Amino acid sequence: METLKALNQIVVSLVEIAGMALLLVLAFLLVAALALLPLGLLGWLLVWLWGLL
């Protein structure tokens, strides 16, 4: 029974670590997306202008 409790504790801590890592990755992706958004819009604008020519 004690081993089950220990395993449960390990699983819970792993899930918490995974959740924190996921949040960090999502935050990083959000920041990257916001940073690249102007570049992306500029690229789309250039493509659109090129299409008009």
N, C-alpha and C. Protein backbone atom coordinates (compact mmCIF):
# COMPACT_ATOMS: atom_id res chain seq x y z
N MET A 1 0.84 -1.21 0.00
CA MET A 1 0.00 0.00 0.00
C MET A 1 0.87 1.26 0.00
N GLU A 2 1.97 1.19 0.74
CA GLU A 2 2.87 2.35 0.79
C GLU A 2 3.50 2.63 -0.58
N THR A 3 3.82 1.53 -1.29
CA THR A 3 4.42 1.72 -2.62
C THR A 3 3.44 2.40 -3.56
N LEU A 4 2.16 2.07 -3.43
CA LEU A 4 1.12 2.69 -4.25
C LEU A 4 1.06 4.19 -3.98
N LYS A 5 1.15 4.56 -2.70
CA LYS A 5 1.15 5.98 -2.34
C LYS A 5 2.36 6.69 -2.92
N ALA A 6 3.52 6.04 -2.83
CA ALA A 6 4.75 6.62 -3.37
C ALA A 6 4.64 6.80 -4.88
N LEU A 7 4.14 5.77 -5.56
CA LEU A 7 3.96 5.84 -7.01
C LEU A 7 3.00 6.96 -7.37
N ASN A 8 1.91 7.07 -6.62
CA ASN A 8 0.93 8.12 -6.84
C ASN A 8 1.56 9.50 -6.70
N GLN A 9 2.41 9.65 -5.67
CA GLN A 9 3.11 10.91 -5.44
C GLN A 9 4.02 11.26 -6.62
N ILE A 10 4.75 10.24 -7.12
CA ILE A 10 5.64 10.43 -8.26
C ILE A 10 4.85 10.85 -9.50
N VAL A 11 3.74 10.15 -9.74
CA VAL A 11 2.90 10.46 -10.91
C VAL A 11 2.38 11.90 -10.82
N VAL A 12 1.90 12.27 -9.64
CA VAL A 12 1.36 13.62 -9.44
C VAL A 12 2.44 14.67 -9.71
N SER A 13 3.64 14.45 -9.17
CA SER A 13 4.71 15.42 -9.38
C SER A 13 5.13 15.48 -10.85
N LEU A 14 5.15 14.33 -11.53
CA LEU A 14 5.47 14.31 -12.96
C LEU A 14 4.43 15.07 -13.77
N VAL A 15 3.17 14.88 -13.42
CA VAL A 15 2.08 15.59 -14.11
C VAL A 15 2.22 17.10 -13.90
N GLU A 16 2.55 17.49 -12.65
CA GLU A 16 2.74 18.91 -12.36
C GLU A 16 3.89 19.49 -13.18
N ILE A 17 5.00 18.75 -13.23
CA ILE A 17 6.16 19.20 -14.01
C ILE A 17 5.80 19.32 -15.49
N ALA A 18 5.08 18.31 -15.99
CA ALA A 18 4.66 18.33 -17.40
C ALA A 18 3.74 19.52 -17.67
N GLY A 19 2.84 19.79 -16.74
CA GLY A 19 1.93 20.93 -16.89
C GLY A 19 2.68 22.25 -16.93
N MET A 20 3.67 22.39 -16.06
CA MET A 20 4.48 23.61 -16.04
C MET A 20 5.26 23.76 -17.34
N ALA A 21 5.83 22.65 -17.81
CA ALA A 21 6.59 22.67 -19.07
C ALA A 21 5.68 23.06 -20.23
N LEU A 22 4.46 22.50 -20.23
CA LEU A 22 3.50 22.82 -21.29
C LEU A 22 3.14 24.31 -21.27
N LEU A 23 2.92 24.85 -20.07
CA LEU A 23 2.62 26.27 -19.95
C LEU A 23 3.78 27.12 -20.46
N LEU A 24 5.00 26.72 -20.11
CA LEU A 24 6.18 27.46 -20.58
C LEU A 24 6.27 27.43 -22.10
N VAL A 25 6.04 26.26 -22.68
CA VAL A 25 6.09 26.12 -24.14
C VAL A 25 5.01 26.98 -24.80
N LEU A 26 3.80 26.95 -24.24
CA LEU A 26 2.70 27.75 -24.79
C LEU A 26 3.02 29.25 -24.70
N ALA A 27 3.58 29.66 -23.54
CA ALA A 27 3.94 31.07 -23.37
C ALA A 27 5.01 31.46 -24.38
N PHE A 28 6.01 30.57 -24.58
CA PHE A 28 7.08 30.84 -25.55
C PHE A 28 6.52 30.96 -26.96
N LEU A 29 5.60 30.03 -27.31
CA LEU A 29 4.99 30.07 -28.64
C LEU A 29 4.19 31.35 -28.84
N LEU A 30 3.48 31.77 -27.80
CA LEU A 30 2.70 33.00 -27.87
C LEU A 30 3.60 34.20 -28.11
N VAL A 31 4.69 34.27 -27.35
CA VAL A 31 5.65 35.37 -27.51
C VAL A 31 6.27 35.34 -28.91
N ALA A 32 6.64 34.14 -29.37
CA ALA A 32 7.23 34.00 -30.71
C ALA A 32 6.23 34.43 -31.78
N ALA A 33 4.97 34.02 -31.61
CA ALA A 33 3.93 34.39 -32.58
C ALA A 33 3.75 35.90 -32.62
N LEU A 34 3.71 36.53 -31.44
CA LEU A 34 3.56 37.98 -31.38
C LEU A 34 4.76 38.69 -31.99
N ALA A 35 5.95 38.13 -31.78
CA ALA A 35 7.17 38.73 -32.32
C ALA A 35 7.22 38.58 -33.84
N LEU A 36 6.73 37.42 -34.34
CA LEU A 36 6.79 37.15 -35.77
C LEU A 36 5.59 37.70 -36.53
N LEU A 37 4.56 38.12 -35.81
CA LEU A 37 3.35 38.60 -36.47
C LEU A 37 3.62 39.76 -37.43
N PRO A 38 4.36 40.80 -37.00
CA PRO A 38 4.65 41.89 -37.94
C PRO A 38 5.40 41.41 -39.18
N LEU A 39 6.36 40.50 -39.00
CA LEU A 39 7.10 39.94 -40.13
C LEU A 39 6.16 39.17 -41.05
N GLY A 40 5.26 38.39 -40.43
CA GLY A 40 4.31 37.62 -41.22
C GLY A 40 3.38 38.52 -42.02
N LEU A 41 2.88 39.57 -41.38
CA LEU A 41 2.00 40.52 -42.06
C LEU A 41 2.74 41.23 -43.18
N LEU A 42 3.99 41.61 -42.93
CA LEU A 42 4.81 42.25 -43.94
C LEU A 42 5.01 41.32 -45.12
N GLY A 43 5.28 40.04 -44.83
CA GLY A 43 5.44 39.03 -45.88
C GLY A 43 4.18 38.88 -46.71
N TRP A 44 3.02 38.80 -46.03
CA TRP A 44 1.75 38.68 -46.74
C TRP A 44 1.50 39.91 -47.61
N LEU A 45 1.83 41.09 -47.09
CA LEU A 45 1.65 42.33 -47.83
C LEU A 45 2.50 42.33 -49.09
N LEU A 46 3.76 41.90 -48.95
CA LEU A 46 4.66 41.82 -50.10
C LEU A 46 4.13 40.83 -51.14
N VAL A 47 3.65 39.68 -50.68
CA VAL A 47 3.09 38.68 -51.60
C VAL A 47 1.87 39.25 -52.32
N TRP A 48 1.03 39.95 -51.57
CA TRP A 48 -0.18 40.55 -52.15
C TRP A 48 0.18 41.61 -53.19
N LEU A 49 1.14 42.47 -52.85
CA LEU A 49 1.59 43.50 -53.79
C LEU A 49 2.20 42.87 -55.03
N TRP A 50 2.99 41.80 -54.81
CA TRP A 50 3.60 41.09 -55.93
C TRP A 50 2.51 40.50 -56.84
N GLY A 51 1.41 40.04 -56.22
CA GLY A 51 0.29 39.48 -56.97
C GLY A 51 -0.40 40.55 -57.82
N LEU A 52 -0.41 41.79 -57.35
CA LEU A 52 -1.04 42.88 -58.09
C LEU A 52 -0.23 43.29 -59.31
N LEU A 53 1.08 43.15 -59.22
CA LEU A 53 1.95 43.58 -60.33
C LEU A 53 1.81 42.71 -61.57
